Amino acid sequence: MGEQQKNIIKPKDLKIVWSSDNRYWRMPTQPDQPAELLQVCWLEVTGSCPIDKGKKYNVSFEVSLTPDAFGWNNTTLYIMAKIGEKGRYTWKKVNLTNQNTNKDQRFSIPHEQNNLIVDTVADASDDKLYFGLYEIWKGNWKGGLKIYHAVVKEVN
């Protein structure tokens, strides 16, 4: 029985829209620091990693909200993933309205009981998983989200 594959993708390896502008994001200077969203109206965080064909994968982000986080009530985030650039997205809706904002408590989105599972096929033409965290439709300003890393984990 082989060991399950787990990829942890740090903020420096994610593509974060507006991350080069320090009015919108505070990017990590150390490997274990999170990327901190200061304010945006368009949230798009994407990444990719190699996967084994014919397996299933769970995609999640480890995040926290700062005590002064704003703009998350009634805002739906989407976590999306697909196999290959031309693949069809699998997605989950996530709402952060009731998250505890005390002391930067970390949590995973989607929550474990609501996993986003991507099922690959053995004869897929691409062995790369593309994924992202999005809120690009509402246009409301939001801030105070810290992204520690994304996780792509093989599941049985």
C-alpha atoms as a PDB file:
ATOM      1  CA  MET A   1       0.000   0.000   0.000  1.00  0.00           C
ATOM      2  CA  GLY A   2       1.565   3.292  -1.116  1.00  0.00           C
ATOM      3  CA  GLU A   3       1.736   6.527   0.800  1.00  0.00           C
ATOM      4  CA  GLN A   4      -0.906   9.122  -0.043  1.00  0.00           C
ATOM      5  CA  GLN A   5       0.332  12.101  -2.033  1.00  0.00           C
ATOM      6  CA  LYS A   6      -0.020  15.497  -0.345  1.00  0.00           C
ATOM      7  CA  ASN A   7       1.056  18.792  -1.878  1.00  0.00           C
ATOM      8  CA  ILE A   8       1.252  21.916   0.275  1.00  0.00           C
ATOM      9  CA  ILE A   9       1.424  25.016  -1.875  1.00  0.00           C
ATOM     10  CA  LYS A  10       2.721  28.095  -0.046  1.00  0.00           C
ATOM     11  CA  PRO A  11       1.576  31.648  -0.911  1.00  0.00           C
ATOM     12  CA  LYS A  12       4.784  32.386  -2.863  1.00  0.00           C
ATOM     13  CA  ASP A  13       3.858  29.529  -5.228  1.00  0.00           C
ATOM     14  CA  LEU A  14       0.263  30.701  -5.724  1.00  0.00           C
ATOM     15  CA  LYS A  15      -0.864  33.258  -8.286  1.00  0.00           C
ATOM     16  CA  ILE A  16      -2.652  35.965  -6.312  1.00  0.00           C
ATOM     17  CA  VAL A  17      -4.309  38.732  -8.325  1.00  0.00           C
ATOM     18  CA  TRP A  18      -3.130  42.182  -7.098  1.00  0.00           C
ATOM     19  CA  SER A  19      -0.469  40.599  -4.833  1.00  0.00           C
ATOM     20  CA  SER A  20       2.277  42.848  -6.170  1.00  0.00           C
ATOM     21  CA  ASP A  21       0.389  45.939  -4.944  1.00  0.00           C
ATOM     22  CA  ASN A  22       0.939  46.502  -1.213  1.00  0.00           C
ATOM     23  CA  ARG A  23      -2.300  48.497  -0.975  1.00  0.00           C
ATOM     24  CA  TYR A  24      -4.183  45.219  -1.452  1.00  0.00           C
ATOM     25  CA  TRP A  25      -1.981  42.410  -0.107  1.00  0.00           C
ATOM     26  CA  ARG A  26       0.784  41.903   2.439  1.00  0.00           C
ATOM     27  CA  MET A  27       2.891  39.115   0.992  1.00  0.00           C
ATOM     28  CA  PRO A  28       5.071  36.880   3.191  1.00  0.00           C
ATOM     29  CA  THR A  29       8.752  37.614   3.684  1.00  0.00           C
ATOM     30  CA  GLN A  30       9.372  34.316   5.518  1.00  0.00           C
ATOM     31  CA  PRO A  31       8.415  30.789   4.322  1.00  0.00           C
ATOM     32  CA  ASP A  32       5.871  30.119   7.100  1.00  0.00           C
ATOM     33  CA  GLN A  33       4.089  33.471   6.960  1.00  0.00           C
ATOM     34  CA  PRO A  34       0.671  33.814   5.316  1.00  0.00           C
ATOM     35  CA  ALA A  35      -0.367  36.137   2.523  1.00  0.00           C
ATOM     36  CA  GLU A  36      -2.703  38.702   4.103  1.00  0.00           C
ATOM     37  CA  LEU A  37      -5.503  40.300   2.153  1.00  0.00           C
ATOM     38  CA  LEU A  38      -5.749  43.978   3.115  1.00  0.00           C
ATOM     39  CA  GLN A  39      -8.555  44.947   0.734  1.00  0.00           C
ATOM     40  CA  VAL A  40      -9.816  43.849  -2.666  1.00  0.00           C
ATOM     41  CA  CYS A  41     -13.093  43.675  -4.514  1.00  0.00           C
ATOM     42  CA  TRP A  42     -11.798  40.861  -6.754  1.00  0.00           C
ATOM     43  CA  LEU A  43     -10.359  37.778  -5.004  1.00  0.00           C
ATOM     44  CA  GLU A  44      -8.566  35.308  -7.255  1.00  0.00           C
ATOM     45  CA  VAL A  45      -5.933  32.918  -5.891  1.00  0.00           C
ATOM     46  CA  THR A  46      -4.854  30.087  -8.192  1.00  0.00           C
ATOM     47  CA  GLY A  47      -2.273  27.344  -8.373  1.00  0.00           C
ATOM     48  CA  SER A  48      -1.434  23.999  -9.894  1.00  0.00           C
ATOM     49  CA  CYS A  49       0.413  20.831  -9.005  1.00  0.00           C
ATOM     50  CA  PRO A  50       1.221  17.460 -10.590  1.00  0.00           C
ATOM     51  CA  ILE A  51      -1.052  14.532  -9.785  1.00  0.00           C
ATOM     52  CA  ASP A  52      -1.263  10.816 -10.541  1.00  0.00           C
ATOM     53  CA  LYS A  53      -3.845   9.816 -13.127  1.00  0.00           C
ATOM     54  CA  GLY A  54      -6.642   7.564 -11.937  1.00  0.00           C
ATOM     55  CA  LYS A  55      -6.704   8.941  -8.353  1.00  0.00           C
ATOM     56  CA  LYS A  56      -8.984  11.230  -6.352  1.00  0.00           C
ATOM     57  CA  TYR A  57      -7.794  14.459  -4.748  1.00  0.00           C
ATOM     58  CA  ASN A  58      -9.120  16.823  -2.096  1.00  0.00           C
ATOM     59  CA  VAL A  59      -8.416  20.533  -2.599  1.00  0.00           C
ATOM     60  CA  SER A  60      -8.525  22.992   0.309  1.00  0.00           C
ATOM     61  CA  PHE A  61      -7.018  26.210   1.614  1.00  0.00           C
ATOM     62  CA  GLU A  62      -5.832  26.815   5.175  1.00  0.00           C
ATOM     63  CA  VAL A  63      -6.880  30.334   6.138  1.00  0.00           C
ATOM     64  CA  SER A  64      -7.814  32.581   9.043  1.00  0.00           C
ATOM     65  CA  LEU A  65      -9.695  35.829   9.462  1.00  0.00           C
ATOM     66  CA  THR A  66      -8.175  38.732  11.353  1.00  0.00           C
ATOM     67  CA  PRO A  67     -10.194  40.350  14.169  1.00  0.00           C
ATOM     68  CA  ASP A  68     -10.842  43.354  11.894  1.00  0.00           C
ATOM     69  CA  ALA A  69     -11.853  41.285   8.832  1.00  0.00           C
ATOM     70  CA  PHE A  70     -14.621  42.863   6.777  1.00  0.00           C
ATOM     71  CA  GLY A  71     -16.827  42.185   3.768  1.00  0.00           C
ATOM     72  CA  TRP A  72     -17.335  38.449   4.332  1.00  0.00           C
ATOM     73  CA  ASN A  73     -20.946  38.458   5.561  1.00  0.00           C
ATOM     74  CA  ASN A  74     -23.216  37.087   2.839  1.00  0.00           C
ATOM     75  CA  THR A  75     -20.230  36.663   0.528  1.00  0.00           C
ATOM     76  CA  THR A  76     -19.824  33.311  -1.178  1.00  0.00           C
ATOM     77  CA  LEU A  77     -16.342  32.094  -2.030  1.00  0.00           C
ATOM     78  CA  TYR A  78     -15.793  29.369  -4.577  1.00  0.00           C
ATOM     79  CA  ILE A  79     -13.077  26.738  -4.463  1.00  0.00           C
ATOM     80  CA  MET A  80     -12.674  25.268  -7.909  1.00  0.00           C
ATOM     81  CA  ALA A  81     -10.434  22.579  -9.399  1.00  0.00           C
ATOM     82  CA  LYS A  82      -9.976  20.818 -12.717  1.00  0.00           C
ATOM     83  CA  ILE A  83      -7.657  18.312 -14.338  1.00  0.00           C
ATOM     84  CA  GLY A  84      -5.689  19.902 -17.186  1.00  0.00           C
ATOM     85  CA  GLU A  85      -6.049  23.408 -18.561  1.00  0.00           C
ATOM     86  CA  LYS A  86      -9.005  22.347 -20.716  1.00  0.00           C
ATOM     87  CA  GLY A  87     -10.739  20.298 -18.006  1.00  0.00           C
ATOM     88  CA  ARG A  88     -14.169  20.926 -16.546  1.00  0.00           C
ATOM     89  CA  TYR A  89     -14.261  22.578 -13.119  1.00  0.00           C
ATOM     90  CA  THR A  90     -15.512  20.886  -9.965  1.00  0.00           C
ATOM     91  CA  TRP A  91     -16.445  23.452  -7.323  1.00  0.00           C
ATOM     92  CA  LYS A  92     -17.748  24.080  -3.810  1.00  0.00           C
ATOM     93  CA  LYS A  93     -19.348  27.170  -2.311  1.00  0.00           C
ATOM     94  CA  VAL A  94     -17.936  28.445   0.979  1.00  0.00           C
ATOM     95  CA  ASN A  95     -19.404  31.109   3.258  1.00  0.00           C
ATOM     96  CA  LEU A  96     -17.208  32.682   5.945  1.00  0.00           C
ATOM     97  CA  THR A  97     -20.019  34.556   7.738  1.00  0.00           C
ATOM     98  CA  ASN A  98     -19.935  32.472  10.934  1.00  0.00           C
ATOM     99  CA  GLN A  99     -16.179  31.922  11.218  1.00  0.00           C
ATOM    100  CA  ASN A 100     -14.489  32.722  14.508  1.00  0.00           C
ATOM    101  CA  THR A 101     -12.343  35.833  14.059  1.00  0.00           C
ATOM    102  CA  ASN A 102     -10.593  35.606  17.448  1.00  0.00           C
ATOM    103  CA  LYS A 103      -6.795  35.473  17.425  1.00  0.00           C
ATOM    104  CA  ASP A 104      -6.323  34.416  13.825  1.00  0.00           C
ATOM    105  CA  GLN A 105      -7.734  30.931  14.395  1.00  0.00           C
ATOM    106  CA  ARG A 106      -6.835  28.790  11.365  1.00  0.00           C
ATOM    107  CA  PHE A 107      -9.398  26.686   9.569  1.00  0.00           C
ATOM    108  CA  SER A 108      -9.682  24.835   6.267  1.00  0.00           C
ATOM    109  CA  ILE A 109     -12.026  25.763   3.472  1.00  0.00           C
ATOM    110  CA  PRO A 110     -13.990  23.921   2.428  1.00  0.00           C
ATOM    111  CA  HIS A 111     -14.486  22.271   5.813  1.00  0.00           C
ATOM    112  CA  GLU A 112     -13.574  18.594   5.973  1.00  0.00           C
ATOM    113  CA  GLN A 113     -17.208  17.485   6.067  1.00  0.00           C
ATOM    114  CA  ASN A 114     -17.747  19.379   2.795  1.00  0.00           C
ATOM    115  CA  ASN A 115     -14.596  18.383   0.866  1.00  0.00           C
ATOM    116  CA  LEU A 116     -13.976  19.328  -2.733  1.00  0.00           C
ATOM    117  CA  ILE A 117     -13.017  16.038  -4.384  1.00  0.00           C
ATOM    118  CA  VAL A 118     -11.605  15.925  -7.911  1.00  0.00           C
ATOM    119  CA  ASP A 119     -11.719  12.501  -9.551  1.00  0.00           C
ATOM    120  CA  THR A 120      -9.087  11.972 -12.235  1.00  0.00           C
ATOM    121  CA  VAL A 121      -9.279   9.330 -14.913  1.00  0.00           C
ATOM    122  CA  ALA A 122      -6.487   6.922 -15.824  1.00  0.00           C
ATOM    123  CA  ASP A 123      -6.393   8.049 -19.456  1.00  0.00           C
ATOM    124  CA  ALA A 124      -6.521  11.809 -18.807  1.00  0.00           C
ATOM    125  CA  SER A 125      -4.445  13.796 -21.282  1.00  0.00           C
ATOM    126  CA  ASP A 126      -2.995  16.029 -18.556  1.00  0.00           C
ATOM    127  CA  ASP A 127      -1.453  15.086 -15.215  1.00  0.00           C
ATOM    128  CA  LYS A 128      -1.750  18.516 -13.635  1.00  0.00           C
ATOM    129  CA  LEU A 129      -4.458  19.746 -11.279  1.00  0.00           C
ATOM    130  CA  TYR A 130      -5.439  23.419 -11.543  1.00  0.00           C
ATOM    131  CA  PHE A 131      -7.275  24.970  -8.600  1.00  0.00           C
ATOM    132  CA  GLY A 132      -8.344  28.295  -7.180  1.00  0.00           C
ATOM    133  CA  LEU A 133     -10.136  30.334  -4.550  1.00  0.00           C
ATOM    134  CA  TYR A 134     -12.443  32.954  -6.042  1.00  0.00           C
ATOM    135  CA  GLU A 135     -14.856  35.744  -5.199  1.00  0.00           C
ATOM    136  CA  ILE A 136     -15.000  37.797  -8.348  1.00  0.00           C
ATOM    137  CA  TRP A 137     -18.706  38.226  -9.012  1.00  0.00           C
ATOM    138  CA  LYS A 138     -20.135  40.386  -6.214  1.00  0.00           C
ATOM    139  CA  GLY A 139     -17.708  43.304  -6.359  1.00  0.00           C
ATOM    140  CA  ASN A 140     -17.856  44.047  -2.616  1.00  0.00           C
ATOM    141  CA  TRP A 141     -14.706  45.160  -0.827  1.00  0.00           C
ATOM    142  CA  LYS A 142     -13.337  42.595   1.595  1.00  0.00           C
ATOM    143  CA  GLY A 143     -10.231  42.241   3.727  1.00  0.00           C
ATOM    144  CA  GLY A 144      -8.629  40.484   6.667  1.00  0.00           C
ATOM    145  CA  LEU A 145      -8.213  37.038   5.099  1.00  0.00           C
ATOM    146  CA  LYS A 146      -4.902  35.267   5.682  1.00  0.00           C
ATOM    147  CA  ILE A 147      -3.918  32.436   3.357  1.00  0.00           C
ATOM    148  CA  TYR A 148      -1.355  30.062   4.880  1.00  0.00           C
ATOM    149  CA  HIS A 149      -1.298  27.511   2.069  1.00  0.00           C
ATOM    150  CA  ALA A 150      -3.333  25.395  -0.300  1.00  0.00           C
ATOM    151  CA  VAL A 151      -3.452  21.611   0.122  1.00  0.00           C
ATOM    152  CA  VAL A 152      -3.944  19.031  -2.604  1.00  0.00           C
ATOM    153  CA  LYS A 153      -4.223  15.617  -0.985  1.00  0.00           C
ATOM    154  CA  GLU A 154      -4.842  12.184  -2.456  1.00  0.00           C
ATOM    155  CA  VAL A 155      -7.911  10.500  -0.975  1.00  0.00           C
ATOM    156  CA  ASN A 156      -9.165   6.918  -1.079  1.00  0.00           C
END
